[in-house]
């Protein structure tokens, strides 16, 4: 249930953030959903010995890290926490709205690993 709720919160949070409906609220919704989704995904275990599936699980966990980083940058976009650490021009160049790329990379890695894992499990 937590896994599905986390995925739903991620979708709602990203959609709300993209359409600029209360960006601060939807950024937090996405971040909470990403943490729940990744935490439950990390709890799943593979007890087999197939090295391909083990590698794909690592890729899946890497995509989870990208989801959480995207959520953190989403929240930072609203509150500009990092502008106190780095100069504003550097912030705009390297951090502002870069959550979109992290979310895209995380989603592509997630889709790839899920598709490949299901194919590998069907082979076994």
PDB file of N, CA and C in Angstrom:
ATOM      1  N   UNK A   1       0.817  -1.198   0.000  1.00  0.00           N
ATOM      2  CA  UNK A   1       0.000   0.000   0.000  1.00  0.00           C
ATOM      3  C   UNK A   1       0.863   1.266   0.000  1.00  0.00           C
ATOM      4  N   UNK A   2       1.940   1.238   0.795  1.00  0.00           N
ATOM      5  CA  UNK A   2       2.819   2.420   0.857  1.00  0.00           C
ATOM      6  C   UNK A   2       3.497   2.638  -0.487  1.00  0.00           C
ATOM      7  N   UNK A   3       3.883   1.542  -1.149  1.00  0.00           N
ATOM      8  CA  UNK A   3       4.528   1.615  -2.462  1.00  0.00           C
ATOM      9  C   UNK A   3       3.598   2.294  -3.471  1.00  0.00           C
ATOM     10  N   UNK A   4       2.345   1.839  -3.509  1.00  0.00           N
ATOM     11  CA  UNK A   4       1.384   2.403  -4.461  1.00  0.00           C
ATOM     12  C   UNK A   4       1.037   3.855  -4.106  1.00  0.00           C
ATOM     13  N   UNK A   5       0.887   4.130  -2.819  1.00  0.00           N
ATOM     14  CA  UNK A   5       0.587   5.499  -2.399  1.00  0.00           C
ATOM     15  C   UNK A   5       1.751   6.431  -2.740  1.00  0.00           C
ATOM     16  N   UNK A   6       2.978   5.956  -2.556  1.00  0.00           N
ATOM     17  CA  UNK A   6       4.148   6.758  -2.904  1.00  0.00           C
ATOM     18  C   UNK A   6       4.192   7.073  -4.389  1.00  0.00           C
ATOM     19  N   UNK A   7       3.901   6.069  -5.212  1.00  0.00           N
ATOM     20  CA  UNK A   7       3.869   6.304  -6.657  1.00  0.00           C
ATOM     21  C   UNK A   7       2.787   7.292  -7.057  1.00  0.00           C
ATOM     22  N   UNK A   8       1.620   7.176  -6.410  1.00  0.00           N
ATOM     23  CA  UNK A   8       0.533   8.105  -6.693  1.00  0.00           C
ATOM     24  C   UNK A   8       0.893   9.518  -6.260  1.00  0.00           C
ATOM     25  N   UNK A   9       1.499   9.653  -5.079  1.00  0.00           N
ATOM     26  CA  UNK A   9       1.917  10.975  -4.620  1.00  0.00           C
ATOM     27  C   UNK A   9       2.970  11.585  -5.541  1.00  0.00           C
ATOM     28  N   UNK A  10       3.865  10.751  -6.060  1.00  0.00           N
ATOM     29  CA  UNK A  10       4.868  11.255  -7.004  1.00  0.00           C
ATOM     30  C   UNK A  10       4.200  11.798  -8.260  1.00  0.00           C
ATOM     31  N   UNK A  11       3.244  11.044  -8.798  1.00  0.00           N
ATOM     32  CA  UNK A  11       2.564  11.482 -10.023  1.00  0.00           C
ATOM     33  C   UNK A  11       1.767  12.763  -9.787  1.00  0.00           C
ATOM     34  N   UNK A  12       1.044  12.812  -8.672  1.00  0.00           N
ATOM     35  CA  UNK A  12       0.252  14.006  -8.360  1.00  0.00           C
ATOM     36  C   UNK A  12       1.173  15.204  -8.110  1.00  0.00           C
ATOM     37  N   UNK A  13       2.243  14.985  -7.352  1.00  0.00           N
ATOM     38  CA  UNK A  13       3.172  16.071  -7.051  1.00  0.00           C
ATOM     39  C   UNK A  13       3.862  16.615  -8.289  1.00  0.00           C
ATOM     40  N   UNK A  14       4.323  15.716  -9.164  1.00  0.00           N
ATOM     41  CA  UNK A  14       4.986  16.170 -10.396  1.00  0.00           C
ATOM     42  C   UNK A  14       4.003  16.882 -11.311  1.00  0.00           C
ATOM     43  N   UNK A  15       2.788  16.344 -11.419  1.00  0.00           N
ATOM     44  CA  UNK A  15       1.787  16.989 -12.265  1.00  0.00           C
ATOM     45  C   UNK A  15       1.407  18.363 -11.757  1.00  0.00           C
ATOM     46  N   UNK A  16       1.179  18.471 -10.460  1.00  0.00           N
ATOM     47  CA  UNK A  16       0.840  19.771  -9.874  1.00  0.00           C
ATOM     48  C   UNK A  16       1.967  20.774 -10.004  1.00  0.00           C
ATOM     49  N   UNK A  17       3.188  20.294  -9.857  1.00  0.00           N
ATOM     50  CA  UNK A  17       4.358  21.180  -9.963  1.00  0.00           C
ATOM     51  C   UNK A  17       4.540  21.674 -11.395  1.00  0.00           C
ATOM     52  N   UNK A  18       4.327  20.787 -12.355  1.00  0.00           N
ATOM     53  CA  UNK A  18       4.495  21.163 -13.761  1.00  0.00           C
ATOM     54  C   UNK A  18       3.451  22.201 -14.173  1.00  0.00           C
ATOM     55  N   UNK A  19       2.213  22.034 -13.688  1.00  0.00           N
ATOM     56  CA  UNK A  19       1.153  22.971 -14.046  1.00  0.00           C
ATOM     57  C   UNK A  19       1.100  24.193 -13.135  1.00  0.00           C
ATOM     58  N   UNK A  20       2.092  24.335 -12.244  1.00  0.00           N
ATOM     59  CA  UNK A  20       2.267  25.503 -11.379  1.00  0.00           C
ATOM     60  C   UNK A  20       1.076  25.765 -10.458  1.00  0.00           C
ATOM     61  N   UNK A  21       0.394  24.699 -10.006  1.00  0.00           N
ATOM     62  CA  UNK A  21      -0.640  24.847  -8.983  1.00  0.00           C
ATOM     63  C   UNK A  21       0.050  24.746  -7.643  1.00  0.00           C
ATOM     64  N   UNK A  22       0.132  25.776  -6.900  1.00  0.00           N
ATOM     65  CA  UNK A  22       0.757  25.779  -5.576  1.00  0.00           C
ATOM     66  C   UNK A  22       2.067  24.981  -5.582  1.00  0.00           C
ATOM     67  N   UNK A  23       3.076  25.475  -6.278  1.00  0.00           N
ATOM     68  CA  UNK A  23       4.311  24.713  -6.449  1.00  0.00           C
ATOM     69  C   UNK A  23       4.946  24.242  -5.144  1.00  0.00           C
ATOM     70  N   UNK A  24       4.882  25.039  -4.104  1.00  0.00           N
ATOM     71  CA  UNK A  24       5.510  24.638  -2.838  1.00  0.00           C
ATOM     72  C   UNK A  24       4.828  23.406  -2.257  1.00  0.00           C
ATOM     73  N   UNK A  25       3.510  23.368  -2.307  1.00  0.00           N
ATOM     74  CA  UNK A  25       2.772  22.223  -1.750  1.00  0.00           C
ATOM     75  C   UNK A  25       3.028  20.968  -2.568  1.00  0.00           C
ATOM     76  N   UNK A  26       2.931  21.091  -3.881  1.00  0.00           N
ATOM     77  CA  UNK A  26       3.101  19.913  -4.727  1.00  0.00           C
ATOM     78  C   UNK A  26       4.541  19.417  -4.749  1.00  0.00           C
ATOM     79  N   UNK A  27       5.503  20.289  -4.500  1.00  0.00           N
ATOM     80  CA  UNK A  27       6.894  19.848  -4.396  1.00  0.00           C
ATOM     81  C   UNK A  27       7.073  18.952  -3.179  1.00  0.00           C
ATOM     82  N   UNK A  28       6.471  19.342  -2.055  1.00  0.00           N
ATOM     83  CA  UNK A  28       6.549  18.515  -0.849  1.00  0.00           C
ATOM     84  C   UNK A  28       5.800  17.202  -1.037  1.00  0.00           C
ATOM     85  N   UNK A  29       4.666  17.242  -1.732  1.00  0.00           N
ATOM     86  CA  UNK A  29       3.910  16.011  -2.009  1.00  0.00           C
ATOM     87  C   UNK A  29       4.774  15.056  -2.821  1.00  0.00           C
ATOM     88  N   UNK A  30       5.462  15.569  -3.844  1.00  0.00           N
ATOM     89  CA  UNK A  30       6.330  14.718  -4.652  1.00  0.00           C
ATOM     90  C   UNK A  30       7.454  14.133  -3.802  1.00  0.00           C
ATOM     91  N   UNK A  31       8.086  14.952  -2.975  1.00  0.00           N
ATOM     92  CA  UNK A  31       9.206  14.481  -2.165  1.00  0.00           C
ATOM     93  C   UNK A  31       8.774  13.397  -1.185  1.00  0.00           C
ATOM     94  N   UNK A  32       7.654  13.577  -0.530  1.00  0.00           N
ATOM     95  CA  UNK A  32       7.151  12.546   0.391  1.00  0.00           C
ATOM     96  C   UNK A  32       6.832  11.264  -0.379  1.00  0.00           C
ATOM     97  N   UNK A  33       6.204  11.401  -1.536  1.00  0.00           N
ATOM     98  CA  UNK A  33       5.904  10.233  -2.359  1.00  0.00           C
ATOM     99  C   UNK A  33       7.159   9.523  -2.831  1.00  0.00           C
ATOM    100  N   UNK A  34       8.159  10.280  -3.226  1.00  0.00           N
ATOM    101  CA  UNK A  34       9.411   9.680  -3.695  1.00  0.00           C
ATOM    102  C   UNK A  34      10.102   8.918  -2.568  1.00  0.00           C
ATOM    103  N   UNK A  35      10.116   9.488  -1.379  1.00  0.00           N
ATOM    104  CA  UNK A  35      10.746   8.806  -0.245  1.00  0.00           C
ATOM    105  C   UNK A  35      10.000   7.515   0.076  1.00  0.00           C
ATOM    106  N   UNK A  36       8.674   7.553   0.085  1.00  0.00           N
ATOM    107  CA  UNK A  36       7.890   6.350   0.361  1.00  0.00           C
ATOM    108  C   UNK A  36       8.098   5.306  -0.724  1.00  0.00           C
ATOM    109  N   UNK A  37       8.072   5.726  -1.980  1.00  0.00           N
ATOM    110  CA  UNK A  37       8.233   4.811  -3.112  1.00  0.00           C
ATOM    111  C   UNK A  37       9.602   4.136  -3.077  1.00  0.00           C
ATOM    112  N   UNK A  38      10.639   4.911  -2.890  1.00  0.00           N
ATOM    113  CA  UNK A  38      12.005   4.374  -2.897  1.00  0.00           C
ATOM    114  C   UNK A  38      12.248   3.503  -1.671  1.00  0.00           C
ATOM    115  N   UNK A  39      11.700   3.889  -0.530  1.00  0.00           N
ATOM    116  CA  UNK A  39      11.883   3.082   0.682  1.00  0.00           C
ATOM    117  C   UNK A  39      11.247   1.705   0.518  1.00  0.00           C
ATOM    118  N   UNK A  40      10.069   1.648  -0.042  1.00  0.00           N
ATOM    119  CA  UNK A  40       9.408   0.354  -0.237  1.00  0.00           C
ATOM    120  C   UNK A  40      10.088  -0.454  -1.336  1.00  0.00           C
ATOM    121  N   UNK A  41      10.581   0.221  -2.352  1.00  0.00           N
ATOM    122  CA  UNK A  41      11.282  -0.478  -3.428  1.00  0.00           C
ATOM    123  C   UNK A  41      12.601  -1.051  -2.924  1.00  0.00           C
ATOM    124  N   UNK A  42      13.257  -0.357  -2.026  1.00  0.00           N
ATOM    125  CA  UNK A  42      14.513  -0.842  -1.463  1.00  0.00           C
ATOM    126  C   UNK A  42      14.285  -2.043  -0.546  1.00  0.00           C
ATOM    127  N   UNK A  43      13.094  -2.170   0.012  1.00  0.00           N
ATOM    128  CA  UNK A  43      12.771  -3.292   0.891  1.00  0.00           C
ATOM    129  C   UNK A  43      12.594  -4.599   0.122  1.00  0.00           C
ATOM    130  N   UNK A  44      12.260  -4.491  -1.165  1.00  0.00           N
ATOM    131  CA  UNK A  44      12.073  -5.697  -1.968  1.00  0.00           C
ATOM    132  C   UNK A  44      13.414  -6.396  -2.134  1.00  0.00           C
ATOM    133  N   UNK A  45      13.406  -7.706  -2.011  1.00  0.00           N
ATOM    134  CA  UNK A  45      14.643  -8.486  -2.105  1.00  0.00           C
ATOM    135  C   UNK A  45      14.561  -9.465  -3.273  1.00  0.00           C
ATOM    136  N   UNK A  46      15.708  -9.767  -3.823  1.00  0.00           N
ATOM    137  CA  UNK A  46      15.833 -10.828  -4.814  1.00  0.00           C
ATOM    138  C   UNK A  46      16.780 -11.864  -4.239  1.00  0.00           C
ATOM    139  N   UNK A  47      16.269 -13.049  -4.009  1.00  0.00           N
ATOM    140  CA  UNK A  47      17.052 -14.098  -3.360  1.00  0.00           C
ATOM    141  C   UNK A  47      17.742 -15.023  -4.362  1.00  0.00           C
ATOM    142  N   UNK A  48      17.505 -14.829  -5.653  1.00  0.00           N
ATOM    143  CA  UNK A  48      18.088 -15.707  -6.660  1.00  0.00           C
ATOM    144  C   UNK A  48      19.557 -15.408  -6.913  1.00  0.00           C
ATOM    145  N   UNK A  49      20.097 -16.108  -7.917  1.00  0.00           N
ATOM    146  CA  UNK A  49      21.525 -15.952  -8.215  1.00  0.00           C
ATOM    147  C   UNK A  49      21.780 -15.368  -9.601  1.00  0.00           C
ATOM    148  N   UNK A  50      20.746 -14.887 -10.271  1.00  0.00           N
ATOM    149  CA  UNK A  50      20.902 -14.327 -11.607  1.00  0.00           C
ATOM    150  C   UNK A  50      21.615 -12.979 -11.511  1.00  0.00           C
ATOM    151  N   UNK A  51      22.826 -12.864 -12.077  1.00  0.00           N
ATOM    152  CA  UNK A  51      23.568 -11.599 -11.967  1.00  0.00           C
ATOM    153  C   UNK A  51      22.915 -10.450 -12.737  1.00  0.00           C
ATOM    154  N   UNK A  52      22.165 -10.770 -13.776  1.00  0.00           N
ATOM    155  CA  UNK A  52      21.493  -9.723 -14.547  1.00  0.00           C
ATOM    156  C   UNK A  52      20.424  -9.039 -13.700  1.00  0.00           C
ATOM    157  N   UNK A  53      19.661  -9.825 -12.977  1.00  0.00           N
ATOM    158  CA  UNK A  53      18.615  -9.246 -12.134  1.00  0.00           C
ATOM    159  C   UNK A  53      19.238  -8.454 -10.990  1.00  0.00           C
ATOM    160  N   UNK A  54      20.337  -8.933 -10.439  1.00  0.00           N
ATOM    161  CA  UNK A  54      21.019  -8.186  -9.380  1.00  0.00           C
ATOM    162  C   UNK A  54      21.510  -6.835  -9.898  1.00  0.00           C
ATOM    163  N   UNK A  55      22.043  -6.821 -11.110  1.00  0.00           N
ATOM    164  CA  UNK A  55      22.505  -5.564 -11.715  1.00  0.00           C
ATOM    165  C   UNK A  55      21.328  -4.633 -11.974  1.00  0.00           C
ATOM    166  N   UNK A  56      20.220  -5.184 -12.454  1.00  0.00           N
ATOM    167  CA  UNK A  56      19.042  -4.364 -12.722  1.00  0.00           C
ATOM    168  C   UNK A  56      18.441  -3.803 -11.433  1.00  0.00           C
ATOM    169  N   UNK A  57      18.535  -4.545 -10.344  1.00  0.00           N
ATOM    170  CA  UNK A  57      18.080  -4.022  -9.048  1.00  0.00           C
ATOM    171  C   UNK A  57      18.922  -2.817  -8.617  1.00  0.00           C
ATOM    172  N   UNK A  58      20.224  -2.876  -8.883  1.00  0.00           N
ATOM    173  CA  UNK A  58      21.079  -1.732  -8.552  1.00  0.00           C
ATOM    174  C   UNK A  58      20.712  -0.523  -9.394  1.00  0.00           C
ATOM    175  N   UNK A  59      20.397  -0.760 -10.664  1.00  0.00           N
ATOM    176  CA  UNK A  59      19.961   0.336 -11.536  1.00  0.00           C
ATOM    177  C   UNK A  59      18.656   0.922 -11.021  1.00  0.00           C
ATOM    178  N   UNK A  60      17.747   0.061 -10.562  1.00  0.00           N
ATOM    179  CA  UNK A  60      16.466   0.516 -10.038  1.00  0.00           C
ATOM    180  C   UNK A  60      16.667   1.370  -8.785  1.00  0.00           C
ATOM    181  N   UNK A  61      17.572   0.966  -7.923  1.00  0.00           N
ATOM    182  CA  UNK A  61      17.844   1.757  -6.723  1.00  0.00           C
ATOM    183  C   UNK A  61      18.522   3.078  -7.070  1.00  0.00           C
ATOM    184  N   UNK A  62      19.342   3.078  -8.111  1.00  0.00           N
ATOM    185  CA  UNK A  62      19.952   4.326  -8.578  1.00  0.00           C
ATOM    186  C   UNK A  62      18.882   5.288  -9.076  1.00  0.00           C
ATOM    187  N   UNK A  63      17.882   4.761  -9.777  1.00  0.00           N
ATOM    188  CA  UNK A  63      16.791   5.628 -10.235  1.00  0.00           C
ATOM    189  C   UNK A  63      16.022   6.199  -9.049  1.00  0.00           C
ATOM    190  N   UNK A  64      15.925   5.426  -7.977  1.00  0.00           N
ATOM    191  CA  UNK A  64      15.285   5.945  -6.772  1.00  0.00           C
ATOM    192  C   UNK A  64      16.035   7.118  -6.184  1.00  0.00           C
ATOM    193  N   UNK A  65      17.357   7.058  -6.227  1.00  0.00           N
ATOM    194  CA  UNK A  65      18.165   8.181  -5.751  1.00  0.00           C
ATOM    195  C   UNK A  65      17.896   9.407  -6.617  1.00  0.00           C
ATOM    196  N   UNK A  66      17.759   9.205  -7.917  1.00  0.00           N
ATOM    197  CA  UNK A  66      17.437  10.330  -8.807  1.00  0.00           C
ATOM    198  C   UNK A  66      16.067  10.919  -8.467  1.00  0.00           C
ATOM    199  N   UNK A  67      15.089  10.067  -8.116  1.00  0.00           N
ATOM    200  CA  UNK A  67      13.768  10.567  -7.735  1.00  0.00           C
ATOM    201  C   UNK A  67      13.845  11.437  -6.484  1.00  0.00           C
ATOM    202  N   UNK A  68      14.594  10.974  -5.492  1.00  0.00           N
ATOM    203  CA  UNK A  68      14.702  11.743  -4.254  1.00  0.00           C
ATOM    204  C   UNK A  68      15.446  13.056  -4.492  1.00  0.00           C
ATOM    205  N   UNK A  69      16.510  13.010  -5.282  1.00  0.00           N
ATOM    206  CA  UNK A  69      17.233  14.251  -5.605  1.00  0.00           C
ATOM    207  C   UNK A  69      16.346  15.215  -6.384  1.00  0.00           C
ATOM    208  N   UNK A  70      15.525  14.679  -7.288  1.00  0.00           N
ATOM    209  CA  UNK A  70      14.592  15.536  -8.029  1.00  0.00           C
ATOM    210  C   UNK A  70      13.613  16.203  -7.070  1.00  0.00           C
ATOM    211  N   UNK A  71      13.130  15.445  -6.093  1.00  0.00           N
ATOM    212  CA  UNK A  71      12.223  16.026  -5.097  1.00  0.00           C
ATOM    213  C   UNK A  71      12.889  17.102  -4.271  1.00  0.00           C
ATOM    214  N   UNK A  72      14.128  16.871  -3.878  1.00  0.00           N
ATOM    215  CA  UNK A  72      14.854  17.881  -3.103  1.00  0.00           C
ATOM    216  C   UNK A  72      15.072  19.151  -3.920  1.00  0.00           C
ATOM    217  N   UNK A  73      15.413  18.991  -5.197  1.00  0.00           N
ATOM    218  CA  UNK A  73      15.595  20.181  -6.039  1.00  0.00           C
ATOM    219  C   UNK A  73      14.274  20.874  -6.337  1.00  0.00           C
ATOM    220  N   UNK A  74      13.181  20.109  -6.380  1.00  0.00           N
ATOM    221  CA  UNK A  74      11.859  20.718  -6.545  1.00  0.00           C
ATOM    222  C   UNK A  74      11.542  21.627  -5.368  1.00  0.00           C
ATOM    223  N   UNK A  75      11.773  21.105  -4.173  1.00  0.00           N
ATOM    224  CA  UNK A  75      11.527  21.905  -2.969  1.00  0.00           C
ATOM    225  C   UNK A  75      12.463  23.109  -2.941  1.00  0.00           C
ATOM    226  N   UNK A  76      13.711  22.894  -3.324  1.00  0.00           N
ATOM    227  CA  UNK A  76      14.670  23.998  -3.348  1.00  0.00           C
ATOM    228  C   UNK A  76      14.267  25.071  -4.356  1.00  0.00           C
ATOM    229  N   UNK A  77      13.648  24.681  -5.440  1.00  0.00           N
ATOM    230  CA  UNK A  77      13.182  25.649  -6.433  1.00  0.00           C
ATOM    231  C   UNK A  77      12.179  26.623  -5.835  1.00  0.00           C
ATOM    232  N   UNK A  78      11.402  26.157  -4.877  1.00  0.00           N
ATOM    233  CA  UNK A  78      10.392  27.027  -4.256  1.00  0.00           C
ATOM    234  C   UNK A  78      10.978  27.919  -3.177  1.00  0.00           C
ATOM    235  N   UNK A  79      11.914  27.388  -2.401  1.00  0.00           N
ATOM    236  CA  UNK A  79      12.424  28.115  -1.242  1.00  0.00           C
ATOM    237  C   UNK A  79      13.829  28.676  -1.425  1.00  0.00           C
ATOM    238  N   UNK A  80      14.534  28.265  -2.467  1.00  0.00           N
ATOM    239  CA  UNK A  80      15.877  28.756  -2.797  1.00  0.00           C
ATOM    240  C   UNK A  80      16.868  28.593  -1.632  1.00  0.00           C
ATOM    241  N   UNK A  81      16.875  27.395  -1.028  1.00  0.00           N
ATOM    242  CA  UNK A  81      17.798  27.115   0.066  1.00  0.00           C
ATOM    243  C   UNK A  81      19.251  27.219  -0.379  1.00  0.00           C
ATOM    244  N   UNK A  82      19.546  26.732  -1.569  1.00  0.00           N
ATOM    245  CA  UNK A  82      20.935  26.659  -2.024  1.00  0.00           C
ATOM    246  C   UNK A  82      21.524  28.017  -2.386  1.00  0.00           C
ATOM    247  N   UNK A  83      20.700  29.032  -2.520  1.00  0.00           N
ATOM    248  CA  UNK A  83      21.264  30.357  -2.841  1.00  0.00           C
ATOM    249  C   UNK A  83      22.074  30.910  -1.682  1.00  0.00           C
ATOM    250  N   UNK A  84      21.855  30.407  -0.480  1.00  0.00           N
ATOM    251  CA  UNK A  84      22.677  30.820   0.651  1.00  0.00           C
ATOM    252  C   UNK A  84      24.030  30.139   0.654  1.00  0.00           C
ATOM    253  N   UNK A  85      24.159  29.047  -0.097  1.00  0.00           N
ATOM    254  CA  UNK A  85      25.408  28.274  -0.136  1.00  0.00           C
ATOM    255  C   UNK A  85      26.258  28.646  -1.344  1.00  0.00           C
ATOM    256  N   UNK A  86      25.620  28.844  -2.479  1.00  0.00           N
ATOM    257  CA  UNK A  86      26.345  29.161  -3.719  1.00  0.00           C
ATOM    258  C   UNK A  86      25.859  30.519  -4.235  1.00  0.00           C
ATOM    259  N   UNK A  87      26.662  31.210  -5.019  1.00  0.00           N
ATOM    260  CA  UNK A  87      26.222  32.486  -5.606  1.00  0.00           C
ATOM    261  C   UNK A  87      25.005  32.286  -6.511  1.00  0.00           C
ATOM    262  N   UNK A  88      24.202  33.316  -6.639  1.00  0.00           N
ATOM    263  CA  UNK A  88      22.944  33.206  -7.376  1.00  0.00           C
ATOM    264  C   UNK A  88      23.159  32.797  -8.833  1.00  0.00           C
ATOM    265  N   UNK A  89      24.143  33.350  -9.494  1.00  0.00           N
ATOM    266  CA  UNK A  89      24.390  32.998 -10.892  1.00  0.00           C
ATOM    267  C   UNK A  89      24.775  31.525 -11.028  1.00  0.00           C
ATOM    268  N   UNK A  90      25.575  31.032 -10.121  1.00  0.00           N
ATOM    269  CA  UNK A  90      25.928  29.609 -10.119  1.00  0.00           C
ATOM    270  C   UNK A  90      24.696  28.765  -9.843  1.00  0.00           C
ATOM    271  N   UNK A  91      23.855  29.222  -8.930  1.00  0.00           N
ATOM    272  CA  UNK A  91      22.622  28.497  -8.612  1.00  0.00           C
ATOM    273  C   UNK A  91      21.739  28.377  -9.847  1.00  0.00           C
ATOM    274  N   UNK A  92      21.520  29.478 -10.544  1.00  0.00           N
ATOM    275  CA  UNK A  92      20.659  29.458 -11.732  1.00  0.00           C
ATOM    276  C   UNK A  92      21.268  28.572 -12.812  1.00  0.00           C
ATOM    277  N   UNK A  93      22.583  28.609 -12.954  1.00  0.00           N
ATOM    278  CA  UNK A  93      23.247  27.818 -13.992  1.00  0.00           C
ATOM    279  C   UNK A  93      23.168  26.326 -13.714  1.00  0.00           C
ATOM    280  N   UNK A  94      23.405  25.915 -12.474  1.00  0.00           N
ATOM    281  CA  UNK A  94      23.561  24.491 -12.183  1.00  0.00           C
ATOM    282  C   UNK A  94      22.402  23.827 -11.460  1.00  0.00           C
ATOM    283  N   UNK A  95      21.546  24.580 -10.777  1.00  0.00           N
ATOM    284  CA  UNK A  95      20.524  23.950  -9.963  1.00  0.00           C
ATOM    285  C   UNK A  95      19.092  24.300 -10.346  1.00  0.00           C
ATOM    286  N   UNK A  96      18.829  25.526 -10.777  1.00  0.00           N
ATOM    287  CA  UNK A  96      17.462  25.984 -10.996  1.00  0.00           C
ATOM    288  C   UNK A  96      16.785  25.177 -12.097  1.00  0.00           C
ATOM    289  N   UNK A  97      15.667  24.557 -11.766  1.00  0.00           N
ATOM    290  CA  UNK A  97      14.853  23.724 -12.661  1.00  0.00           C
ATOM    291  C   UNK A  97      15.589  22.493 -13.202  1.00  0.00           C
ATOM    292  N   UNK A  98      16.655  22.089 -12.574  1.00  0.00           N
ATOM    293  CA  UNK A  98      17.349  20.871 -13.016  1.00  0.00           C
ATOM    294  C   UNK A  98      16.666  19.614 -12.484  1.00  0.00           C
ATOM    295  N   UNK A  99      15.647  19.771 -11.629  1.00  0.00           N
ATOM    296  CA  UNK A  99      14.905  18.617 -11.139  1.00  0.00           C
ATOM    297  C   UNK A  99      14.226  17.882 -12.283  1.00  0.00           C
ATOM    298  N   UNK A 100      13.916  18.598 -13.353  1.00  0.00           N
ATOM    299  CA  UNK A 100      13.257  17.979 -14.500  1.00  0.00           C
ATOM    300  C   UNK A 100      14.159  16.909 -15.122  1.00  0.00           C
ATOM    301  N   UNK A 101      15.432  17.211 -15.263  1.00  0.00           N
ATOM    302  CA  UNK A 101      16.368  16.236 -15.841  1.00  0.00           C
ATOM    303  C   UNK A 101      16.550  15.033 -14.919  1.00  0.00           C
ATOM    304  N   UNK A 102      16.653  15.276 -13.624  1.00  0.00           N
ATOM    305  CA  UNK A 102      16.794  14.160 -12.686  1.00  0.00           C
ATOM    306  C   UNK A 102      15.557  13.273 -12.698  1.00  0.00           C
ATOM    307  N   UNK A 103      14.393  13.876 -12.783  1.00  0.00           N
ATOM    308  CA  UNK A 103      13.158  13.107 -12.844  1.00  0.00           C
ATOM    309  C   UNK A 103      13.084  12.294 -14.130  1.00  0.00           C
ATOM    310  N   UNK A 104      13.492  12.885 -15.229  1.00  0.00           N
ATOM    311  CA  UNK A 104      13.485  12.176 -16.507  1.00  0.00           C
ATOM    312  C   UNK A 104      14.457  11.000 -16.494  1.00  0.00           C
ATOM    313  N   UNK A 105      15.663  11.204 -16.011  1.00  0.00           N
ATOM    314  CA  UNK A 105      16.650  10.122 -15.949  1.00  0.00           C
ATOM    315  C   UNK A 105      16.161   9.014 -15.018  1.00  0.00           C
ATOM    316  N   UNK A 106      15.615   9.391 -13.868  1.00  0.00           N
ATOM    317  CA  UNK A 106      15.091   8.402 -12.937  1.00  0.00           C
ATOM    318  C   UNK A 106      13.955   7.591 -13.539  1.00  0.00           C
ATOM    319  N   UNK A 107      13.061   8.251 -14.260  1.00  0.00           N
ATOM    320  CA  UNK A 107      11.931   7.551 -14.877  1.00  0.00           C
ATOM    321  C   UNK A 107      12.394   6.601 -15.975  1.00  0.00           C
ATOM    322  N   UNK A 108      13.337   7.029 -16.784  1.00  0.00           N
ATOM    323  CA  UNK A 108      13.839   6.163 -17.861  1.00  0.00           C
ATOM    324  C   UNK A 108      14.548   4.948 -17.276  1.00  0.00           C
ATOM    325  N   UNK A 109      15.384   5.150 -16.270  1.00  0.00           N
ATOM    326  CA  UNK A 109      16.059   4.013 -15.632  1.00  0.00           C
ATOM    327  C   UNK A 109      15.065   3.073 -14.963  1.00  0.00           C
ATOM    328  N   UNK A 110      14.043   3.626 -14.351  1.00  0.00           N
ATOM    329  CA  UNK A 110      13.021   2.818 -13.692  1.00  0.00           C
ATOM    330  C   UNK A 110      12.261   1.971 -14.708  1.00  0.00           C
ATOM    331  N   UNK A 111      11.845   2.586 -15.802  1.00  0.00           N
ATOM    332  CA  UNK A 111      11.123   1.838 -16.836  1.00  0.00           C
ATOM    333  C   UNK A 111      11.989   0.749 -17.452  1.00  0.00           C
ATOM    334  N   UNK A 112      13.232   1.071 -17.729  1.00  0.00           N
ATOM    335  CA  UNK A 112      14.145   0.090 -18.304  1.00  0.00           C
ATOM    336  C   UNK A 112      14.341  -1.093 -17.365  1.00  0.00           C
ATOM    337  N   UNK A 113      14.629  -0.818 -16.112  1.00  0.00           N
ATOM    338  CA  UNK A 113      14.923  -1.909 -15.183  1.00  0.00           C
ATOM    339  C   UNK A 113      13.687  -2.761 -14.905  1.00  0.00           C
ATOM    340  N   UNK A 114      12.525  -2.142 -14.769  1.00  0.00           N
ATOM    341  CA  UNK A 114      11.304  -2.922 -14.523  1.00  0.00           C
ATOM    342  C   UNK A 114      10.997  -3.826 -15.709  1.00  0.00           C
ATOM    343  N   UNK A 115      11.127  -3.287 -16.908  1.00  0.00           N
ATOM    344  CA  UNK A 115      10.854  -4.096 -18.110  1.00  0.00           C
ATOM    345  C   UNK A 115      11.835  -5.256 -18.224  1.00  0.00           C
ATOM    346  N   UNK A 116      13.103  -4.981 -18.014  1.00  0.00           N
ATOM    347  CA  UNK A 116      14.112  -6.035 -18.116  1.00  0.00           C
ATOM    348  C   UNK A 116      13.988  -7.079 -17.012  1.00  0.00           C
ATOM    349  N   UNK A 117      13.671  -6.652 -15.798  1.00  0.00           N
ATOM    350  CA  UNK A 117      13.505  -7.608 -14.700  1.00  0.00           C
ATOM    351  C   UNK A 117      12.343  -8.548 -14.981  1.00  0.00           C
ATOM    352  N   UNK A 118      11.242  -8.016 -15.471  1.00  0.00           N
ATOM    353  CA  UNK A 118      10.103  -8.893 -15.767  1.00  0.00           C
ATOM    354  C   UNK A 118      10.453  -9.888 -16.865  1.00  0.00           C
ATOM    355  N   UNK A 119      11.206  -9.446 -17.871  1.00  0.00           N
ATOM    356  CA  UNK A 119      11.642 -10.379 -18.917  1.00  0.00           C
ATOM    357  C   UNK A 119      12.580 -11.441 -18.382  1.00  0.00           C
ATOM    358  N   UNK A 120      13.497 -11.059 -17.517  1.00  0.00           N
ATOM    359  CA  UNK A 120      14.449 -12.031 -16.947  1.00  0.00           C
ATOM    360  C   UNK A 120      13.737 -13.015 -16.038  1.00  0.00           C
ATOM    361  N   UNK A 121      12.768 -12.564 -15.292  1.00  0.00           N
ATOM    362  CA  UNK A 121      12.022 -13.482 -14.413  1.00  0.00           C
ATOM    363  C   UNK A 121      11.180 -14.458 -15.220  1.00  0.00           C
ATOM    364  N   UNK A 122      10.671 -14.025 -16.382  1.00  0.00           N
ATOM    365  CA  UNK A 122       9.907 -14.938 -17.239  1.00  0.00           C
ATOM    366  C   UNK A 122      10.807 -16.021 -17.824  1.00  0.00           C
ATOM    367  N   UNK A 123      12.070 -15.686 -18.075  1.00  0.00           N
ATOM    368  CA  UNK A 123      12.999 -16.674 -18.604  1.00  0.00           C
ATOM    369  C   UNK A 123      13.271 -17.779 -17.585  1.00  0.00           C
ATOM    370  N   UNK A 124      13.344 -17.388 -16.285  1.00  0.00           N
ATOM    371  CA  UNK A 124      13.642 -18.364 -15.241  1.00  0.00           C
ATOM    372  C   UNK A 124      12.465 -19.186 -14.937  1.00  0.00           C
TER     373      UNK A 124
END
